[in-house]
Structures are given as structure tokens and as C-alpha cells.
């Protein structure tokens, strides 16, 4: 996004045409030069377009050079000022330095002296600007350290949005992202909007309005588009939006939309923002790796479905959800009947293959919102969200029948037939805790075995 460094701009103020033309000819190789006959004209020129350096005579009709210096200091801070004075006005030159002038020249001014003082002043200016840039970038780099602690992609986007706004010196922005690690999940973060505006934007997103731009893969400055339209709908007029895409290594991706707020984005601001987005992409990759590792730790090696550790977390989460919304939750505890005989007759490799095939069969019997896990050995547990006892028993019976009808591979041209016993417990009827529900469904499963196997029993039958 960086552009070649712009030429310095110098405003020369002198009522002598000779000195104005001398300055223009001598300095045109060093900078863009604009000449003015008096201080009032120079102030108008500066108002129209800022300058890096003002070269001004001390004595002129109207405002003097010292008076112009004072006005420039107040109205255009950061502009360097060099005063040109006659030998008899050396005290005025000292006063100018005290007031903040960068340097002074004595008349008559030679071409070499003029070039020297301008080169020295602009070099000093560039050095100071570079120091400021390095200081700001160092501060941004230090602040980006907070991204390294974010292991959840949502936290990465939220923290990065704050850092981008700080780097750009802006107050309002939007982060839109696709939570690929969470199916069908679109995320958004807002900064600087009123509560009702933020709510309206969330409703637009929830209503399916396309605000995201997956096609954006580079930094852009846009003056129209779907985000402009959405902001206009909520009463926010945005002319320029800076668009900053970020992407992880695998599936995470997002876009920051930053409002210009009536002033242009400067090159150095965008450079600082790019430092943030670079660190954001690294943080997203770390978050992806962390979630993949965590996912592997929660997945059973043999069946490639969730393990008991994940089951415990899921049960706690779903019980809290059921309690909050006053809904039901059924737990199916499934155990294969006489599965040890399969291992004894066909070997453990065939047994493991049968467990993998069973996991696939069970996965086809439940919804995406439900949880299927291998509890251990040949025992499986299924959490049925929003499901009462009667429906839970029906689902368990369907699973029992499908398992009994499925041929399981036992080698070349060989199959085995399996049956299972299933126990069913339901929140809150049979318990309000993870331990109570697992215990009651486990006992119901053993009751099914005691009644002849290949059947379903509810925890209600235990009482």
C-alpha cells in the first residue's frame, strides 16, 4: 500500500521579486516551491495546502516575518520556519529562534547558503518524522503482543479491531468474520457505534444482508458498496472505508472495515495498520493450530468421534442450556452385546473396524446439534438436545433396529451381525446433573441386558 515518498513542499514569502525567483530556481530540484508576496497570501496558501517549510523575509508590508511565524506556529503546528533577515536585524533572528523558528539566513542570501539551510532543515525534518514513525511502529508492535495470548479466533478479531483503530487514529470500525471452526457461524464486532446502531447492524447481518466481502484479499479504499449501504440504513454516512482483510492458515478469515471520519487515511497510518493485520493473521494461525490440537485431544483415535472427555464438557454445557431455556435433554447409553466374542473370533483389528463402522452408523442416526461420543470400550453415549423421554426412547429403538440390521465387515467376504442394549435417561426427570443422568442411563442399559439384550430400557423402569 505504501507509495513513493512525496516531494517536500516549500513556501517562500518575500516582497522582493528577485529573492522569490532566486529561491524558486535554486530550490526547484529539492522541493515543490510556491512563492508569495506577503504574509497574508502565505497564510491563505497554507490553508489551502500544508507545507513542510516556510522561508520568510522579516520585513514586509502587512504582517512581519515574526508575526507570520507566530501565526504558523498556532495554525499549522509542525511546519518548519526559516527567517531571512538583514544584518541589522540579528536580534529579530534570535527572537525568531526563541519563538520556535528552525533556522535563519542573513541577507544578501547566496544560492549555496539557501540550498544548505533548506537541505539541513528538510533532512532534520525527515529524521524527526522517521523517529516518530519508528516510535509509533514500536508501540504498535508492543501492543500486538496481546494478540499472542488470544487462542480463540473471536478474541483475535476483537483485540485486533481495537489495535487497528488505534493504529489509524480512528474511533469507528467493524470486524466481520467467518468462524470456520464453528459451522454456520458468522461473527461481527463493532466499535464506536451507538447501541441502537449496533443492534440495527446485527439485525441486518442476522437477516442475511451480505456485508462480508470474501473476494477482498488486499487492502482497499472504497467509497461505495454493501457496507456503505448498511451504514446508510442505520443513519451513518460513510464516504471512505478502509478495508483490511486478514486470513489464517486454514479456514479462518475476516475483514476490518474502518470509517474515514472525514479525513484521508495517511500512508504512515496504513503502514501501522498493516503491522497489526500481519500479526492478526499469525494469531489466527496460532488459534487454528490450538483448536486443531484441542480437537484431536477430544477425538477418539479408533472411531474418530468425540471421546469421554469431550462428552463430559458437552453434557455440562447442554445441561446448563436446558436449565436456562426450560427444555429437555435425553441421554442414550449404548453397549454392544457380547462384543468380546467378535474380538476373540476375528481379532482386535476386525473389532476396531466394526467400532468405526458402528460410529458411522450412529452418526447417521442423530442430528448435527446432538453429540455422539465413545464412552469407552464398546460403549457409546448420545446426547439428544431438546428431546423428551418418549422421543428419546423412539430414537433409541430406531438405532437398536438399524444396528441389528447392519452387516459389519469382518474380513474378505465375511460379515458379523451385532446387537446393542440401550439405556435412556432424560433431564430433568431422571436427574439434573451429569453424574445423575449418566448413572441412570447406564443402569437402564444394564437392565436392558438383564432382560435379554438387544432392547431399549428407560430409567423410568428402574423405579
Protein backbone atom coordinates (compact mmCIF):
# COMPACT_ATOMS: atom_id res chain seq x y z
CA UNK A 1 0.00 0.00 0.00
CA UNK A 2 3.00 2.28 0.50
CA UNK A 3 3.66 4.86 -2.16
CA UNK A 4 6.93 6.57 -3.17
CA UNK A 5 7.89 9.36 -0.76
CA UNK A 6 6.31 12.66 -1.80
CA UNK A 7 8.40 15.72 -2.59
CA UNK A 8 8.78 18.28 0.13
CA UNK A 9 6.75 21.47 -0.22
CA UNK A 10 8.32 24.88 0.49
CA UNK A 11 6.51 28.23 0.68
CA UNK A 12 8.73 31.29 0.05
CA UNK A 13 7.46 34.64 1.41
CA UNK A 14 9.27 37.82 0.31
CA UNK A 15 8.15 41.15 -1.10
CA UNK A 16 11.25 41.15 -3.32
CA UNK A 17 10.64 39.51 -6.66
CA UNK A 18 14.37 38.93 -7.02
CA UNK A 19 14.57 36.75 -3.90
CA UNK A 20 11.36 34.92 -4.79
CA UNK A 21 12.70 33.99 -8.23
CA UNK A 22 16.11 33.11 -6.78
CA UNK A 23 14.50 30.74 -4.29
CA UNK A 24 12.31 29.14 -6.96
CA UNK A 25 15.25 28.50 -9.32
CA UNK A 26 17.63 27.28 -6.63
CA UNK A 27 15.18 25.02 -4.76
CA UNK A 28 13.07 23.53 -7.54
CA UNK A 29 15.35 20.49 -7.64
CA UNK A 30 14.89 19.95 -3.90
CA UNK A 31 11.18 20.59 -3.42
CA UNK A 32 7.93 21.92 -4.82
CA UNK A 33 8.17 25.69 -4.35
CA UNK A 34 5.33 28.22 -4.11
CA UNK A 35 6.15 31.91 -3.77
CA UNK A 36 4.10 34.59 -2.00
CA UNK A 37 4.49 38.38 -1.88
CA UNK A 38 3.31 38.82 1.71
CA UNK A 39 2.35 37.01 4.90
CA UNK A 40 -1.38 37.21 4.28
CA UNK A 41 -1.02 35.47 0.93
CA UNK A 42 1.21 32.82 2.53
CA UNK A 43 -1.41 32.07 5.20
CA UNK A 44 -4.02 31.58 2.50
CA UNK A 45 -1.69 29.24 0.62
CA UNK A 46 -1.01 27.20 3.79
CA UNK A 47 -4.73 26.96 4.49
CA UNK A 48 -5.25 25.52 1.03
CA UNK A 49 -2.34 23.07 1.21
CA UNK A 50 0.05 22.49 4.12
CA UNK A 51 3.80 22.88 3.61
CA UNK A 52 6.88 21.33 5.15
CA UNK A 53 8.87 24.56 5.30
CA UNK A 54 8.19 28.30 5.18
CA UNK A 55 11.02 30.63 4.14
CA UNK A 56 10.04 34.17 5.09
CA UNK A 57 11.58 37.62 4.96
CA UNK A 58 11.47 39.54 8.23
CA UNK A 59 10.30 42.93 6.97
CA UNK A 60 7.35 43.03 4.58
CA UNK A 61 4.23 45.13 4.03
CA UNK A 62 1.42 43.96 6.29
CA UNK A 63 2.31 41.21 8.76
CA UNK A 64 6.01 40.95 9.57
CA UNK A 65 8.01 37.74 9.40
CA UNK A 66 7.82 37.35 13.20
CA UNK A 67 4.06 37.81 13.15
CA UNK A 68 3.78 35.24 10.37
CA UNK A 69 5.91 32.86 12.44
CA UNK A 70 3.51 33.21 15.35
CA UNK A 71 0.50 32.52 13.13
CA UNK A 72 2.15 29.48 11.53
CA UNK A 73 3.06 28.10 14.97
CA UNK A 74 -0.57 28.38 16.10
CA UNK A 75 -2.44 27.46 12.92
CA UNK A 76 -0.05 24.99 11.26
CA UNK A 77 1.94 23.32 14.04
CA UNK A 78 4.75 21.09 12.83
CA UNK A 79 5.65 23.35 9.90
CA UNK A 80 9.32 24.32 9.87
CA UNK A 81 10.09 28.03 9.58
CA UNK A 82 13.30 29.77 8.44
CA UNK A 83 13.54 33.56 8.82
CA UNK A 84 15.52 35.68 6.34
CA UNK A 85 16.82 38.89 7.90
CA UNK A 86 19.21 41.75 7.19
CA UNK A 87 22.47 42.22 9.18
CA UNK A 88 20.89 44.98 11.21
CA UNK A 89 18.07 42.66 12.36
CA UNK A 90 20.09 39.92 14.04
CA UNK A 91 18.17 40.44 17.27
CA UNK A 92 14.99 39.65 15.40
CA UNK A 93 16.56 36.43 14.17
CA UNK A 94 17.42 35.42 17.74
CA UNK A 95 13.84 36.23 18.75
CA UNK A 96 12.59 34.06 15.90
CA UNK A 97 14.67 31.12 17.14
CA UNK A 98 13.29 31.65 20.63
CA UNK A 99 9.76 31.55 19.21
CA UNK A 100 10.41 28.22 17.51
CA UNK A 101 11.94 29.00 14.14
CA UNK A 102 14.14 26.21 12.79
CA UNK A 103 16.92 28.42 11.42
CA UNK A 104 17.64 31.85 9.93
CA UNK A 105 19.52 33.37 6.97
CA UNK A 106 21.11 36.79 6.63
CA UNK A 107 20.70 38.91 3.52
CA UNK A 108 22.14 39.04 0.99
CA UNK A 109 21.39 35.33 0.56
CA UNK A 110 23.58 33.27 -1.79
CA UNK A 111 22.33 30.25 -3.69
CA UNK A 112 24.66 27.86 -1.82
CA UNK A 113 23.57 29.16 1.58
CA UNK A 114 19.92 28.84 0.62
CA UNK A 115 20.34 25.25 -0.59
CA UNK A 116 22.37 24.34 2.52
CA UNK A 117 19.82 25.61 5.05
CA UNK A 118 16.89 24.07 3.18
CA UNK A 119 18.63 20.68 2.83
CA UNK A 120 19.59 20.78 6.51
CA UNK A 121 16.07 21.69 7.59
CA UNK A 122 14.36 19.07 5.41
CA UNK A 123 16.87 16.37 6.44
CA UNK A 124 16.23 17.17 10.08
CA UNK A 125 12.50 17.07 9.39
CA UNK A 126 12.75 13.68 7.67
CA UNK A 127 14.83 12.33 10.54
CA UNK A 128 12.30 13.51 13.12
CA UNK A 129 9.45 12.05 11.07
CA UNK A 130 11.32 8.76 10.79
CA UNK A 131 11.87 8.74 14.54
CA UNK A 132 8.16 9.35 15.11
CA UNK A 133 7.30 6.59 12.65
CA UNK A 134 9.66 4.14 14.34
CA UNK A 135 8.32 5.12 17.76
CA UNK A 136 4.72 4.62 16.65
CA UNK A 137 5.50 1.33 14.94
CA UNK A 138 7.39 0.15 18.02
CA UNK A 139 4.36 0.99 20.16
CA UNK A 140 2.09 -0.90 17.76
CA UNK A 141 4.44 -3.89 17.73
CA UNK A 142 4.44 -3.92 21.51
CA UNK A 143 0.65 -3.68 21.61
CA UNK A 144 0.38 -6.57 19.14
CA UNK A 145 1.85 -8.80 21.83
CA UNK A 146 -1.67 -9.02 23.28
CA UNK A 147 -2.73 -10.95 20.17
CA UNK A 148 -0.35 -13.78 21.03
CA UNK A 149 -2.40 -14.55 24.15
CA UNK A 150 -5.64 -14.96 22.14
CA UNK A 151 -6.35 -18.63 21.48
CA UNK A 152 -9.95 -18.12 20.40
CA UNK A 153 -10.42 -16.62 16.91
CA UNK A 154 -13.26 -14.43 18.18
CA UNK A 155 -10.90 -12.88 20.73
CA UNK A 156 -8.29 -12.36 18.00
CA UNK A 157 -10.71 -10.36 15.83
CA UNK A 158 -11.95 -8.30 18.78
CA UNK A 159 -8.47 -7.40 20.03
CA UNK A 160 -7.18 -6.73 16.51
CA UNK A 161 -10.05 -4.33 15.75
CA UNK A 162 -9.06 -2.20 18.76
CA UNK A 163 -5.42 -2.22 17.64
CA UNK A 164 -6.27 -1.31 14.04
CA UNK A 165 -8.38 1.64 15.17
CA UNK A 166 -5.54 2.80 17.42
CA UNK A 167 -3.01 2.49 14.58
CA UNK A 168 -5.23 4.52 12.26
CA UNK A 169 -6.29 7.10 14.84
CA UNK A 170 -9.96 6.34 14.18
CA UNK A 171 -12.86 5.58 16.51
CA UNK A 172 -15.37 3.61 14.42
CA UNK A 173 -14.89 0.26 12.76
CA UNK A 174 -16.42 -3.14 12.07
CA UNK A 175 -14.87 -6.60 12.08
CA UNK A 176 -16.77 -9.20 10.03
CA UNK A 177 -15.50 -12.75 10.02
CA UNK A 178 -16.42 -16.31 9.24
CA UNK A 179 -15.99 -18.68 12.18
CA UNK A 180 -15.00 -21.70 10.14
CA UNK A 181 -14.25 -23.73 13.26
CA UNK A 182 -17.91 -23.31 14.21
CA UNK A 183 -20.22 -24.42 11.37
CA UNK A 184 -22.70 -21.83 10.06
CA UNK A 185 -21.25 -19.16 12.28
CA UNK A 186 -20.69 -15.57 11.18
CA UNK A 187 -19.08 -13.22 13.67
CA UNK A 188 -19.06 -9.45 13.97
CA UNK A 189 -17.53 -6.84 16.25
CA UNK A 190 -18.37 -3.13 16.38
CA UNK A 191 -16.57 -0.13 17.83
CA UNK A 192 -17.68 3.49 18.13
CA UNK A 193 -21.36 3.00 17.29
CA UNK A 194 -24.36 3.84 19.42
CA UNK A 195 -26.16 0.92 21.00
CA UNK A 196 -29.19 1.21 18.71
CA UNK A 197 -26.95 1.47 15.62
CA UNK A 198 -25.02 -1.62 16.66
CA UNK A 199 -28.27 -3.53 17.24
CA UNK A 200 -29.55 -2.48 13.81
CA UNK A 201 -26.34 -3.68 12.15
CA UNK A 202 -26.57 -7.03 13.93
CA UNK A 203 -30.15 -7.41 12.71
CA UNK A 204 -29.06 -6.67 9.14
CA UNK A 205 -26.40 -9.37 9.39
CA UNK A 206 -28.77 -11.85 11.06
CA UNK A 207 -31.31 -11.09 8.32
CA UNK A 208 -28.88 -12.33 5.71
CA UNK A 209 -27.71 -8.97 4.35
CA UNK A 210 -24.36 -9.58 2.70
CA UNK A 211 -21.93 -7.29 4.45
CA UNK A 212 -18.90 -9.50 4.20
CA UNK A 213 -16.73 -9.50 1.09
CA UNK A 214 -14.93 -12.80 0.76
CA UNK A 215 -13.49 -11.66 -2.56
CA UNK A 216 -11.44 -8.93 -0.87
CA UNK A 217 -7.89 -10.22 -0.48
CA UNK A 218 -5.96 -6.95 -0.40
CA UNK A 219 -6.11 -3.56 1.28
CA UNK A 220 -8.61 -1.28 -0.43
CA UNK A 221 -10.15 2.15 -0.01
CA UNK A 222 -13.81 2.00 -1.03
CA UNK A 223 -16.35 4.78 -1.49
CA UNK A 224 -19.34 2.54 -2.18
CA UNK A 225 -20.55 -0.99 -1.53
CA UNK A 226 -22.79 -3.16 0.69
CA UNK A 227 -21.26 -1.90 3.94
CA UNK A 228 -21.84 1.71 2.87
CA UNK A 229 -25.47 0.79 2.15
CA UNK A 230 -25.88 -0.90 5.53
CA UNK A 231 -24.39 2.07 7.38
CA UNK A 232 -26.66 4.43 5.45
CA UNK A 233 -29.67 2.34 6.52
CA UNK A 234 -28.85 2.95 10.19
CA UNK A 235 -28.22 6.66 9.67
CA UNK A 236 -24.43 6.65 9.42
CA UNK A 237 -22.93 8.39 6.37
CA UNK A 238 -19.55 6.91 5.46
CA UNK A 239 -17.72 8.23 2.42
CA UNK A 240 -14.44 6.34 2.56
CA UNK A 241 -13.99 2.93 4.15
CA UNK A 242 -10.57 1.36 4.54
CA UNK A 243 -10.86 -2.40 4.06
CA UNK A 244 -8.23 -4.63 5.69
CA UNK A 245 -8.52 -8.39 5.11
CA UNK A 246 -6.97 -10.98 7.44
CA UNK A 247 -6.69 -14.71 6.97
CA UNK A 248 -5.43 -17.67 8.95
CA UNK A 249 -3.56 -20.63 7.56
CA UNK A 250 -6.51 -22.98 7.16
CA UNK A 251 -10.08 -21.72 7.41
CA UNK A 252 -10.32 -18.51 9.45
CA UNK A 253 -10.86 -15.28 7.51
CA UNK A 254 -12.20 -11.82 8.24
CA UNK A 255 -12.31 -8.20 7.09
CA UNK A 256 -11.92 -4.97 9.05
CA UNK A 257 -13.95 -2.00 7.78
CA UNK A 258 -12.67 1.31 9.16
CA UNK A 259 -14.60 4.57 8.75
CA UNK A 260 -12.54 7.50 7.47
CA UNK A 261 -14.49 10.04 9.58
CA UNK A 262 -14.00 12.88 7.12
CA UNK A 263 -10.22 12.82 6.79
CA UNK A 264 -7.97 10.85 4.44
CA UNK A 265 -6.01 7.81 5.54
CA UNK A 266 -2.31 8.72 5.55
CA UNK A 267 0.34 6.38 4.24
CA UNK A 268 2.03 6.01 7.63
CA UNK A 269 -1.32 5.21 9.29
CA UNK A 270 -2.00 2.42 6.80
CA UNK A 271 1.52 1.07 7.28
CA UNK A 272 0.88 0.83 11.03
CA UNK A 273 -2.45 -0.88 10.41
CA UNK A 274 -0.73 -3.42 8.16
CA UNK A 275 1.60 -4.29 11.02
CA UNK A 276 -1.48 -5.13 13.07
CA UNK A 277 -3.14 -7.20 10.33
CA UNK A 278 0.10 -9.12 9.81
CA UNK A 279 0.20 -10.05 13.49
CA UNK A 280 -3.54 -10.79 13.36
CA UNK A 281 -3.02 -13.37 10.63
CA UNK A 282 -0.28 -15.00 12.71
CA UNK A 283 -2.56 -15.04 15.76
CA UNK A 284 -5.35 -16.65 13.69
CA UNK A 285 -2.94 -19.37 12.60
CA UNK A 286 -1.96 -20.00 16.21
CA UNK A 287 -5.63 -20.16 17.20
CA UNK A 288 -6.31 -22.63 14.39
CA UNK A 289 -3.43 -24.85 15.47
CA UNK A 290 -4.58 -24.67 19.08
CA UNK A 291 -8.13 -25.66 18.18
CA UNK A 292 -6.94 -28.48 15.94
CA UNK A 293 -4.74 -29.81 18.74
CA UNK A 294 -7.57 -29.44 21.23
CA UNK A 295 -9.94 -31.17 18.84
CA UNK A 296 -7.53 -34.06 18.42
CA UNK A 297 -7.31 -34.36 22.20
CA UNK A 298 -11.11 -34.64 22.33
CA UNK A 299 -11.47 -37.18 19.50
CA UNK A 300 -11.25 -40.94 19.91
CA UNK A 301 -8.36 -42.43 17.92
CA UNK A 302 -10.19 -45.61 16.88
CA UNK A 303 -13.64 -44.34 15.91
CA UNK A 304 -12.76 -40.69 15.08
CA UNK A 305 -15.78 -39.45 17.04
CA UNK A 306 -15.67 -37.50 20.31
CA UNK A 307 -14.23 -39.18 23.38
CA UNK A 308 -15.40 -39.30 27.00
CA UNK A 309 -13.52 -36.13 27.89
CA UNK A 310 -15.47 -34.14 25.32
CA UNK A 311 -18.68 -35.86 26.39
CA UNK A 312 -18.30 -34.55 29.94
CA UNK A 313 -17.81 -30.97 28.71
CA UNK A 314 -20.73 -31.28 26.30
CA UNK A 315 -23.05 -32.65 28.99
CA UNK A 316 -22.27 -29.79 31.36
CA UNK A 317 -22.85 -27.29 28.56
CA UNK A 318 -26.12 -28.85 27.39
CA UNK A 319 -27.48 -29.23 30.93
CA UNK A 320 -26.87 -25.52 31.53
CA UNK A 321 -28.61 -24.73 28.25
CA UNK A 322 -31.59 -26.94 29.11
CA UNK A 323 -31.85 -25.35 32.54
CA UNK A 324 -31.69 -21.85 31.09
CA UNK A 325 -34.37 -22.43 28.45
CA UNK A 326 -36.52 -24.89 30.38
CA UNK A 327 -36.03 -27.61 27.76
CA UNK A 328 -35.41 -31.35 27.99
CA UNK A 329 -32.28 -33.36 27.23
CA UNK A 330 -32.13 -37.12 26.73
CA UNK A 331 -29.05 -39.31 27.19
CA UNK A 332 -28.66 -42.65 25.39
CA UNK A 333 -26.15 -45.09 26.82
CA UNK A 334 -25.42 -47.84 24.26
CA UNK A 335 -23.41 -51.01 24.78
CA UNK A 336 -22.76 -53.71 22.18
CA UNK A 337 -23.94 -57.17 23.18
CA UNK A 338 -21.25 -59.85 23.54
CA UNK A 339 -18.75 -57.76 21.57
CA UNK A 340 -15.87 -59.63 23.23
CA UNK A 341 -16.74 -62.62 21.02
CA UNK A 342 -16.01 -60.54 17.91
CA UNK A 343 -12.53 -59.73 19.20
CA UNK A 344 -11.92 -63.34 20.26
CA UNK A 345 -13.08 -64.91 16.98
CA UNK A 346 -11.96 -62.34 14.40
CA UNK A 347 -9.20 -60.40 16.14
CA UNK A 348 -8.93 -56.87 17.51
CA UNK A 349 -8.31 -55.31 14.09
CA UNK A 350 -11.71 -56.52 12.93
CA UNK A 351 -13.17 -55.38 16.25
CA UNK A 352 -11.75 -51.87 15.79
CA UNK A 353 -13.06 -51.76 12.20
CA UNK A 354 -16.51 -52.74 13.47
CA UNK A 355 -16.41 -49.94 16.05
CA UNK A 356 -15.50 -47.43 13.33
CA UNK A 357 -18.34 -48.66 11.15
CA UNK A 358 -20.73 -48.52 14.10
CA UNK A 359 -19.71 -44.90 14.74
CA UNK A 360 -20.61 -44.05 11.15
CA UNK A 361 -23.98 -45.78 11.50
CA UNK A 362 -24.74 -43.95 14.75
CA UNK A 363 -23.66 -40.63 13.24
CA UNK A 364 -26.28 -41.03 10.53
CA UNK A 365 -28.97 -41.58 13.17
CA UNK A 366 -28.53 -38.28 15.03
CA UNK A 367 -28.76 -34.58 14.18
CA UNK A 368 -25.88 -32.15 13.85
CA UNK A 369 -26.87 -30.47 17.12
CA UNK A 370 -26.66 -33.78 19.01
CA UNK A 371 -23.45 -35.21 20.45
CA UNK A 372 -22.11 -38.69 19.74
CA UNK A 373 -19.16 -39.94 21.80
CA UNK A 374 -17.34 -43.17 22.55
CA UNK A 375 -17.59 -43.57 26.30
CA UNK A 376 -15.06 -46.39 26.40
CA UNK A 377 -14.55 -49.91 25.01
CA UNK A 378 -17.73 -50.84 23.17
CA UNK A 379 -19.88 -48.26 24.99
CA UNK A 380 -21.25 -45.16 23.24
CA UNK A 381 -23.21 -42.17 24.52
CA UNK A 382 -25.55 -39.87 22.62
CA UNK A 383 -26.87 -36.51 23.85
CA UNK A 384 -30.20 -35.61 22.25
CA UNK A 385 -30.75 -31.85 22.56
CA UNK A 386 -34.31 -30.65 23.22
CA UNK A 387 -35.59 -34.23 23.33
CA UNK A 388 -38.02 -35.65 25.89
CA UNK A 389 -38.18 -39.20 27.24
CA UNK A 390 -40.76 -40.55 24.79
CA UNK A 391 -38.94 -39.25 21.72
CA UNK A 392 -35.62 -40.38 23.19
CA UNK A 393 -36.96 -43.93 23.51
CA UNK A 394 -38.20 -43.85 19.90
CA UNK A 395 -34.77 -42.72 18.64
CA UNK A 396 -33.04 -45.37 20.77
CA UNK A 397 -35.34 -48.06 19.39
CA UNK A 398 -34.62 -46.92 15.81
CA UNK A 399 -30.87 -47.05 16.50
CA UNK A 400 -31.18 -50.53 18.06
CA UNK A 401 -33.05 -51.81 14.99
CA UNK A 402 -30.61 -50.26 12.47
CA UNK A 403 -27.60 -51.72 14.29
CA UNK A 404 -29.20 -55.17 14.28
CA UNK A 405 -29.92 -54.94 10.55
CA UNK A 406 -26.46 -53.68 9.55
CA UNK A 407 -23.83 -56.20 8.34
CA UNK A 408 -20.40 -55.33 9.78
CA UNK A 409 -17.30 -56.23 7.79
CA UNK A 410 -15.17 -58.95 9.32
CA UNK A 411 -12.70 -59.56 6.50
CA UNK A 412 -12.83 -60.62 2.85
CA UNK A 413 -16.35 -61.87 2.09
CA UNK A 414 -17.14 -62.04 5.81
CA UNK A 415 -19.63 -60.10 7.89
CA UNK A 416 -20.74 -60.16 11.50
CA UNK A 417 -24.07 -59.08 12.93
CA UNK A 418 -24.16 -57.08 16.13
CA UNK A 419 -26.87 -56.08 18.56
CA UNK A 420 -26.88 -53.45 21.26
CA UNK A 421 -28.63 -52.62 24.51
CA UNK A 422 -29.61 -49.00 25.10
CA UNK A 423 -30.49 -47.16 28.29
CA UNK A 424 -32.36 -43.84 28.17
CA UNK A 425 -32.45 -41.07 30.79
CA UNK A 426 -33.91 -37.58 30.47
CA UNK A 427 -33.25 -34.20 32.07
CA UNK A 428 -34.83 -33.19 34.41
CA UNK A 429 -36.98 -36.28 35.02
CA UNK A 430 -34.13 -38.65 35.88
CA UNK A 431 -31.55 -36.17 37.12
CA UNK A 432 -30.27 -32.63 36.92
CA UNK A 433 -26.54 -33.31 36.91
CA UNK A 434 -24.14 -35.01 34.53
CA UNK A 435 -23.41 -37.73 37.06
CA UNK A 436 -27.07 -38.47 37.75
CA UNK A 437 -28.01 -38.70 34.07
CA UNK A 438 -25.07 -40.94 33.16
CA UNK A 439 -25.70 -43.18 36.15
CA UNK A 440 -29.41 -43.60 35.42
CA UNK A 441 -28.88 -44.25 31.68
CA UNK A 442 -26.08 -46.74 32.48
CA UNK A 443 -28.31 -48.60 34.93
CA UNK A 444 -31.15 -48.61 32.37
CA UNK A 445 -28.75 -50.11 29.81
CA UNK A 446 -27.81 -52.91 32.23
CA UNK A 447 -31.48 -53.52 32.89
CA UNK A 448 -31.94 -53.97 29.12
CA UNK A 449 -29.17 -56.56 29.13
CA UNK A 450 -30.72 -58.36 32.09
CA UNK A 451 -33.98 -58.60 30.16
CA UNK A 452 -32.34 -60.45 27.26
CA UNK A 453 -30.19 -57.86 25.44
CA UNK A 454 -30.95 -56.21 22.07
CA UNK A 455 -33.51 -53.92 23.63
CA UNK A 456 -34.15 -50.41 24.98
CA UNK A 457 -34.96 -49.52 28.58
CA UNK A 458 -35.81 -46.17 30.14
CA UNK A 459 -34.58 -45.02 33.52
CA UNK A 460 -38.24 -44.76 34.46
CA UNK A 461 -38.33 -48.57 34.57
CA UNK A 462 -35.76 -48.55 37.37
CA UNK A 463 -38.18 -47.15 39.94
